[in-house]
Amino acid sequence: MKKNMGGVDRIIRLVVAAVIGVLYFTNTVGGTLGLILLALAVVFALTSFVSFCPLYAPFGLSTCTRKD
């Protein structure tokens, strides 16, 4: 897998995942919506750690800075 996520993108995803996690575990968001958001938070966290977003690949998107 070639990296296609830059540092800012990774940080934003981790912050969003953390906020969703806090909202879920404090019972602010619950039920089916809470589980869906929690699954989304896990995906955001995993993609942040590996620096690869599968949805960027088919469209040729990349937020990485290019090294010439």
PDB file of N, CA and C in Angstrom:
ATOM      1  N   MET A   1       0.835  -1.181   0.000  1.00  0.00           N
ATOM      2  CA  MET A   1       0.000   0.000   0.000  1.00  0.00           C
ATOM      3  C   MET A   1       0.883   1.250   0.000  1.00  0.00           C
ATOM      4  N   LYS A   2       0.620   2.106  -0.915  1.00  0.00           N
ATOM      5  CA  LYS A   2       1.333   3.369  -0.992  1.00  0.00           C
ATOM      6  C   LYS A   2       0.588   4.388  -0.137  1.00  0.00           C
ATOM      7  N   LYS A   3       1.306   5.126   0.678  1.00  0.00           N
ATOM      8  CA  LYS A   3       0.678   6.116   1.549  1.00  0.00           C
ATOM      9  C   LYS A   3      -0.023   7.180   0.716  1.00  0.00           C
ATOM     10  N   ASN A   4      -1.252   7.533   1.127  1.00  0.00           N
ATOM     11  CA  ASN A   4      -1.976   8.582   0.421  1.00  0.00           C
ATOM     12  C   ASN A   4      -2.634   9.562   1.392  1.00  0.00           C
ATOM     13  N   MET A   5      -2.190   9.549   2.640  1.00  0.00           N
ATOM     14  CA  MET A   5      -2.734  10.474   3.641  1.00  0.00           C
ATOM     15  C   MET A   5      -1.598  11.287   4.259  1.00  0.00           C
ATOM     16  N   GLY A   6      -1.801  12.594   4.307  1.00  0.00           N
ATOM     17  CA  GLY A   6      -0.830  13.477   4.912  1.00  0.00           C
ATOM     18  C   GLY A   6      -1.036  13.590   6.416  1.00  0.00           C
ATOM     19  N   GLY A   7      -0.149  14.307   7.053  1.00  0.00           N
ATOM     20  CA  GLY A   7      -0.186  14.457   8.501  1.00  0.00           C
ATOM     21  C   GLY A   7      -1.434  15.136   9.022  1.00  0.00           C
ATOM     22  N   VAL A   8      -1.860  16.195   8.367  1.00  0.00           N
ATOM     23  CA  VAL A   8      -3.049  16.924   8.816  1.00  0.00           C
ATOM     24  C   VAL A   8      -4.285  16.034   8.692  1.00  0.00           C
ATOM     25  N   ASP A   9      -4.401  15.307   7.597  1.00  0.00           N
ATOM     26  CA  ASP A   9      -5.526  14.396   7.390  1.00  0.00           C
ATOM     27  C   ASP A   9      -5.560  13.332   8.486  1.00  0.00           C
ATOM     28  N   ARG A  10      -4.402  12.787   8.831  1.00  0.00           N
ATOM     29  CA  ARG A  10      -4.325  11.764   9.869  1.00  0.00           C
ATOM     30  C   ARG A  10      -4.743  12.318  11.228  1.00  0.00           C
ATOM     31  N   ILE A  11      -4.291  13.516  11.551  1.00  0.00           N
ATOM     32  CA  ILE A  11      -4.628  14.119  12.843  1.00  0.00           C
ATOM     33  C   ILE A  11      -6.123  14.405  12.934  1.00  0.00           C
ATOM     34  N   ILE A  12      -6.694  14.939  11.867  1.00  0.00           N
ATOM     35  CA  ILE A  12      -8.141  15.230  11.865  1.00  0.00           C
ATOM     36  C   ILE A  12      -8.928  13.946  12.072  1.00  0.00           C
ATOM     37  N   ARG A  13      -8.549  12.873  11.393  1.00  0.00           N
ATOM     38  CA  ARG A  13      -9.254  11.603  11.543  1.00  0.00           C
ATOM     39  C   ARG A  13      -9.133  11.060  12.964  1.00  0.00           C
ATOM     40  N   LEU A  14      -7.961  11.183  13.562  1.00  0.00           N
ATOM     41  CA  LEU A  14      -7.790  10.701  14.935  1.00  0.00           C
ATOM     42  C   LEU A  14      -8.616  11.520  15.920  1.00  0.00           C
ATOM     43  N   VAL A  15      -8.688  12.830  15.721  1.00  0.00           N
ATOM     44  CA  VAL A  15      -9.484  13.681  16.609  1.00  0.00           C
ATOM     45  C   VAL A  15     -10.969  13.340  16.464  1.00  0.00           C
ATOM     46  N   VAL A  16     -11.437  13.159  15.243  1.00  0.00           N
ATOM     47  CA  VAL A  16     -12.841  12.801  15.023  1.00  0.00           C
ATOM     48  C   VAL A  16     -13.140  11.446  15.655  1.00  0.00           C
ATOM     49  N   ALA A  17     -12.244  10.488  15.501  1.00  0.00           N
ATOM     50  CA  ALA A  17     -12.436   9.164  16.099  1.00  0.00           C
ATOM     51  C   ALA A  17     -12.491   9.260  17.618  1.00  0.00           C
ATOM     52  N   ALA A  18     -11.625  10.074  18.202  1.00  0.00           N
ATOM     53  CA  ALA A  18     -11.623  10.237  19.657  1.00  0.00           C
ATOM     54  C   ALA A  18     -12.912  10.885  20.151  1.00  0.00           C
ATOM     55  N   VAL A  19     -13.383  11.894  19.439  1.00  0.00           N
ATOM     56  CA  VAL A  19     -14.627  12.565  19.829  1.00  0.00           C
ATOM     57  C   VAL A  19     -15.805  11.594  19.750  1.00  0.00           C
ATOM     58  N   ILE A  20     -15.870  10.822  18.688  1.00  0.00           N
ATOM     59  CA  ILE A  20     -16.950   9.839  18.564  1.00  0.00           C
ATOM     60  C   ILE A  20     -16.863   8.804  19.679  1.00  0.00           C
ATOM     61  N   GLY A  21     -15.649   8.351  19.981  1.00  0.00           N
ATOM     62  CA  GLY A  21     -15.471   7.392  21.069  1.00  0.00           C
ATOM     63  C   GLY A  21     -15.938   7.940  22.403  1.00  0.00           C
ATOM     64  N   VAL A  22     -15.589   9.181  22.698  1.00  0.00           N
ATOM     65  CA  VAL A  22     -16.016   9.804  23.949  1.00  0.00           C
ATOM     66  C   VAL A  22     -17.534   9.943  23.986  1.00  0.00           C
ATOM     67  N   LEU A  23     -18.129  10.375  22.889  1.00  0.00           N
ATOM     68  CA  LEU A  23     -19.586  10.511  22.842  1.00  0.00           C
ATOM     69  C   LEU A  23     -20.284   9.166  23.040  1.00  0.00           C
ATOM     70  N   TYR A  24     -19.722   8.116  22.476  1.00  0.00           N
ATOM     71  CA  TYR A  24     -20.340   6.797  22.614  1.00  0.00           C
ATOM     72  C   TYR A  24     -20.207   6.272  24.046  1.00  0.00           C
ATOM     73  N   PHE A  25     -19.004   6.355  24.607  1.00  0.00           N
ATOM     74  CA  PHE A  25     -18.773   5.761  25.924  1.00  0.00           C
ATOM     75  C   PHE A  25     -19.328   6.600  27.078  1.00  0.00           C
ATOM     76  N   THR A  26     -19.726   7.837  26.819  1.00  0.00           N
ATOM     77  CA  THR A  26     -20.413   8.638  27.833  1.00  0.00           C
ATOM     78  C   THR A  26     -21.929   8.575  27.647  1.00  0.00           C
ATOM     79  N   ASN A  27     -22.369   7.694  26.757  1.00  0.00           N
ATOM     80  CA  ASN A  27     -23.796   7.481  26.468  1.00  0.00           C
ATOM     81  C   ASN A  27     -24.500   8.728  25.943  1.00  0.00           C
ATOM     82  N   THR A  28     -23.769   9.612  25.310  1.00  0.00           N
ATOM     83  CA  THR A  28     -24.373  10.762  24.653  1.00  0.00           C
ATOM     84  C   THR A  28     -25.022  10.315  23.342  1.00  0.00           C
ATOM     85  N   VAL A  29     -24.350   9.415  22.639  1.00  0.00           N
ATOM     86  CA  VAL A  29     -24.870   8.831  21.413  1.00  0.00           C
ATOM     87  C   VAL A  29     -24.978   7.328  21.649  1.00  0.00           C
ATOM     88  N   GLY A  30     -26.129   6.770  21.377  1.00  0.00           N
ATOM     89  CA  GLY A  30     -26.304   5.347  21.638  1.00  0.00           C
ATOM     90  C   GLY A  30     -27.152   4.680  20.573  1.00  0.00           C
ATOM     91  N   GLY A  31     -27.501   3.455  20.820  1.00  0.00           N
ATOM     92  CA  GLY A  31     -28.335   2.702  19.889  1.00  0.00           C
ATOM     93  C   GLY A  31     -27.609   2.383  18.607  1.00  0.00           C
ATOM     94  N   THR A  32     -28.380   2.237  17.565  1.00  0.00           N
ATOM     95  CA  THR A  32     -27.837   1.886  16.255  1.00  0.00           C
ATOM     96  C   THR A  32     -26.918   2.980  15.718  1.00  0.00           C
ATOM     97  N   LEU A  33     -27.316   4.225  15.882  1.00  0.00           N
ATOM     98  CA  LEU A  33     -26.479   5.335  15.426  1.00  0.00           C
ATOM     99  C   LEU A  33     -25.133   5.315  16.145  1.00  0.00           C
ATOM    100  N   GLY A  34     -25.141   5.043  17.430  1.00  0.00           N
ATOM    101  CA  GLY A  34     -23.900   4.982  18.192  1.00  0.00           C
ATOM    102  C   GLY A  34     -22.973   3.891  17.696  1.00  0.00           C
ATOM    103  N   LEU A  35     -23.527   2.728  17.383  1.00  0.00           N
ATOM    104  CA  LEU A  35     -22.706   1.627  16.878  1.00  0.00           C
ATOM    105  C   LEU A  35     -22.135   1.931  15.494  1.00  0.00           C
ATOM    106  N   ILE A  36     -22.943   2.563  14.658  1.00  0.00           N
ATOM    107  CA  ILE A  36     -22.455   2.944  13.328  1.00  0.00           C
ATOM    108  C   ILE A  36     -21.327   3.970  13.449  1.00  0.00           C
ATOM    109  N   LEU A  37     -21.512   4.957  14.309  1.00  0.00           N
ATOM    110  CA  LEU A  37     -20.466   5.969  14.501  1.00  0.00           C
ATOM    111  C   LEU A  37     -19.216   5.358  15.127  1.00  0.00           C
ATOM    112  N   LEU A  38     -19.396   4.401  16.028  1.00  0.00           N
ATOM    113  CA  LEU A  38     -18.244   3.743  16.644  1.00  0.00           C
ATOM    114  C   LEU A  38     -17.463   2.944  15.595  1.00  0.00           C
ATOM    115  N   ALA A  39     -18.163   2.273  14.697  1.00  0.00           N
ATOM    116  CA  ALA A  39     -17.496   1.548  13.612  1.00  0.00           C
ATOM    117  C   ALA A  39     -16.741   2.518  12.702  1.00  0.00           C
ATOM    118  N   LEU A  40     -17.346   3.655  12.418  1.00  0.00           N
ATOM    119  CA  LEU A  40     -16.689   4.683  11.611  1.00  0.00           C
ATOM    120  C   LEU A  40     -15.434   5.203  12.320  1.00  0.00           C
ATOM    121  N   ALA A  41     -15.517   5.374  13.629  1.00  0.00           N
ATOM    122  CA  ALA A  41     -14.358   5.833  14.400  1.00  0.00           C
ATOM    123  C   ALA A  41     -13.224   4.824  14.330  1.00  0.00           C
ATOM    124  N   VAL A  42     -13.547   3.541  14.389  1.00  0.00           N
ATOM    125  CA  VAL A  42     -12.511   2.506  14.286  1.00  0.00           C
ATOM    126  C   VAL A  42     -11.853   2.551  12.909  1.00  0.00           C
ATOM    127  N   VAL A  43     -12.643   2.721  11.870  1.00  0.00           N
ATOM    128  CA  VAL A  43     -12.088   2.814  10.512  1.00  0.00           C
ATOM    129  C   VAL A  43     -11.201   4.050  10.385  1.00  0.00           C
ATOM    130  N   PHE A  44     -11.651   5.182  10.919  1.00  0.00           N
ATOM    131  CA  PHE A  44     -10.832   6.395  10.888  1.00  0.00           C
ATOM    132  C   PHE A  44      -9.500   6.180  11.608  1.00  0.00           C
ATOM    133  N   ALA A  45      -9.536   5.550  12.766  1.00  0.00           N
ATOM    134  CA  ALA A  45      -8.315   5.325  13.529  1.00  0.00           C
ATOM    135  C   ALA A  45      -7.371   4.381  12.776  1.00  0.00           C
ATOM    136  N   LEU A  46      -7.901   3.300  12.231  1.00  0.00           N
ATOM    137  CA  LEU A  46      -7.054   2.355  11.502  1.00  0.00           C
ATOM    138  C   LEU A  46      -6.428   2.984  10.265  1.00  0.00           C
ATOM    139  N   THR A  47      -7.209   3.733   9.513  1.00  0.00           N
ATOM    140  CA  THR A  47      -6.651   4.368   8.318  1.00  0.00           C
ATOM    141  C   THR A  47      -5.615   5.426   8.691  1.00  0.00           C
ATOM    142  N   SER A  48      -5.782   6.053   9.834  1.00  0.00           N
ATOM    143  CA  SER A  48      -4.793   7.037  10.284  1.00  0.00           C
ATOM    144  C   SER A  48      -3.473   6.364  10.626  1.00  0.00           C
ATOM    145  N   PHE A  49      -3.541   5.208  11.271  1.00  0.00           N
ATOM    146  CA  PHE A  49      -2.312   4.523  11.672  1.00  0.00           C
ATOM    147  C   PHE A  49      -1.538   3.948  10.494  1.00  0.00           C
ATOM    148  N   VAL A  50      -2.230   3.536   9.440  1.00  0.00           N
ATOM    149  CA  VAL A  50      -1.536   2.968   8.284  1.00  0.00           C
ATOM    150  C   VAL A  50      -1.292   3.998   7.179  1.00  0.00           C
ATOM    151  N   SER A  51      -1.809   5.206   7.344  1.00  0.00           N
ATOM    152  CA  SER A  51      -1.637   6.311   6.380  1.00  0.00           C
ATOM    153  C   SER A  51      -2.159   5.973   4.996  1.00  0.00           C
ATOM    154  N   PHE A  52      -3.199   5.167   4.934  1.00  0.00           N
ATOM    155  CA  PHE A  52      -3.775   4.782   3.651  1.00  0.00           C
ATOM    156  C   PHE A  52      -5.293   4.779   3.756  1.00  0.00           C
ATOM    157  N   CYS A  53      -5.947   5.498   2.849  1.00  0.00           N
ATOM    158  CA  CYS A  53      -7.402   5.525   2.796  1.00  0.00           C
ATOM    159  C   CYS A  53      -7.836   4.820   1.515  1.00  0.00           C
ATOM    160  N   PRO A  54      -8.549   3.693   1.639  1.00  0.00           N
ATOM    161  CA  PRO A  54      -8.959   2.961   0.446  1.00  0.00           C
ATOM    162  C   PRO A  54      -9.898   3.749  -0.474  1.00  0.00           C
ATOM    163  N   LEU A  55     -10.631   4.700   0.065  1.00  0.00           N
ATOM    164  CA  LEU A  55     -11.533   5.489  -0.780  1.00  0.00           C
ATOM    165  C   LEU A  55     -10.789   6.521  -1.617  1.00  0.00           C
ATOM    166  N   TYR A  56      -9.593   6.897  -1.213  1.00  0.00           N
ATOM    167  CA  TYR A  56      -8.799   7.839  -1.999  1.00  0.00           C
ATOM    168  C   TYR A  56      -8.219   7.167  -3.248  1.00  0.00           C
ATOM    169  N   ALA A  57      -7.869   5.891  -3.156  1.00  0.00           N
ATOM    170  CA  ALA A  57      -7.161   5.189  -4.226  1.00  0.00           C
ATOM    171  C   ALA A  57      -7.901   5.182  -5.565  1.00  0.00           C
ATOM    172  N   PRO A  58      -9.187   4.807  -5.634  1.00  0.00           N
ATOM    173  CA  PRO A  58      -9.843   4.763  -6.958  1.00  0.00           C
ATOM    174  C   PRO A  58      -9.942   6.124  -7.644  1.00  0.00           C
ATOM    175  N   PHE A  59      -9.943   7.182  -6.851  1.00  0.00           N
ATOM    176  CA  PHE A  59     -10.072   8.522  -7.412  1.00  0.00           C
ATOM    177  C   PHE A  59      -8.720   9.202  -7.618  1.00  0.00           C
ATOM    178  N   GLY A  60      -7.637   8.541  -7.221  1.00  0.00           N
ATOM    179  CA  GLY A  60      -6.303   9.099  -7.392  1.00  0.00           C
ATOM    180  C   GLY A  60      -6.015  10.263  -6.465  1.00  0.00           C
ATOM    181  N   LEU A  61      -6.718  10.331  -5.343  1.00  0.00           N
ATOM    182  CA  LEU A  61      -6.519  11.423  -4.387  1.00  0.00           C
ATOM    183  C   LEU A  61      -5.369  11.106  -3.447  1.00  0.00           C
ATOM    184  N   SER A  62      -4.702  12.135  -3.006  1.00  0.00           N
ATOM    185  CA  SER A  62      -3.633  11.989  -2.026  1.00  0.00           C
ATOM    186  C   SER A  62      -3.481  13.311  -1.282  1.00  0.00           C
ATOM    187  N   THR A  63      -3.363  13.224   0.032  1.00  0.00           N
ATOM    188  CA  THR A  63      -3.122  14.422   0.829  1.00  0.00           C
ATOM    189  C   THR A  63      -1.679  14.466   1.310  1.00  0.00           C
ATOM    190  N   CYS A  64      -0.865  13.520   0.839  1.00  0.00           N
ATOM    191  CA  CYS A  64       0.565  13.509   1.186  1.00  0.00           C
ATOM    192  C   CYS A  64       1.279  14.620   0.442  1.00  0.00           C
ATOM    193  N   THR A  65       2.285  15.160   1.089  1.00  0.00           N
ATOM    194  CA  THR A  65       3.137  16.113   0.385  1.00  0.00           C
ATOM    195  C   THR A  65       4.094  15.317  -0.499  1.00  0.00           C
ATOM    196  N   ARG A  66       4.296  15.804  -1.679  1.00  0.00           N
ATOM    197  CA  ARG A  66       5.164  15.095  -2.624  1.00  0.00           C
ATOM    198  C   ARG A  66       6.606  15.506  -2.435  1.00  0.00           C
ATOM    199  N   LYS A  67       7.488  14.526  -2.468  1.00  0.00           N
ATOM    200  CA  LYS A  67       8.919  14.794  -2.407  1.00  0.00           C
ATOM    201  C   LYS A  67       9.478  14.679  -3.806  1.00  0.00           C
ATOM    202  N   ASP A  68      10.087  15.752  -4.282  1.00  0.00           N
ATOM    203  CA  ASP A  68      10.631  15.752  -5.646  1.00  0.00           C
ATOM    204  C   ASP A  68      11.993  15.140  -5.698  1.00  0.00           C
TER     205      ASP A  68
END
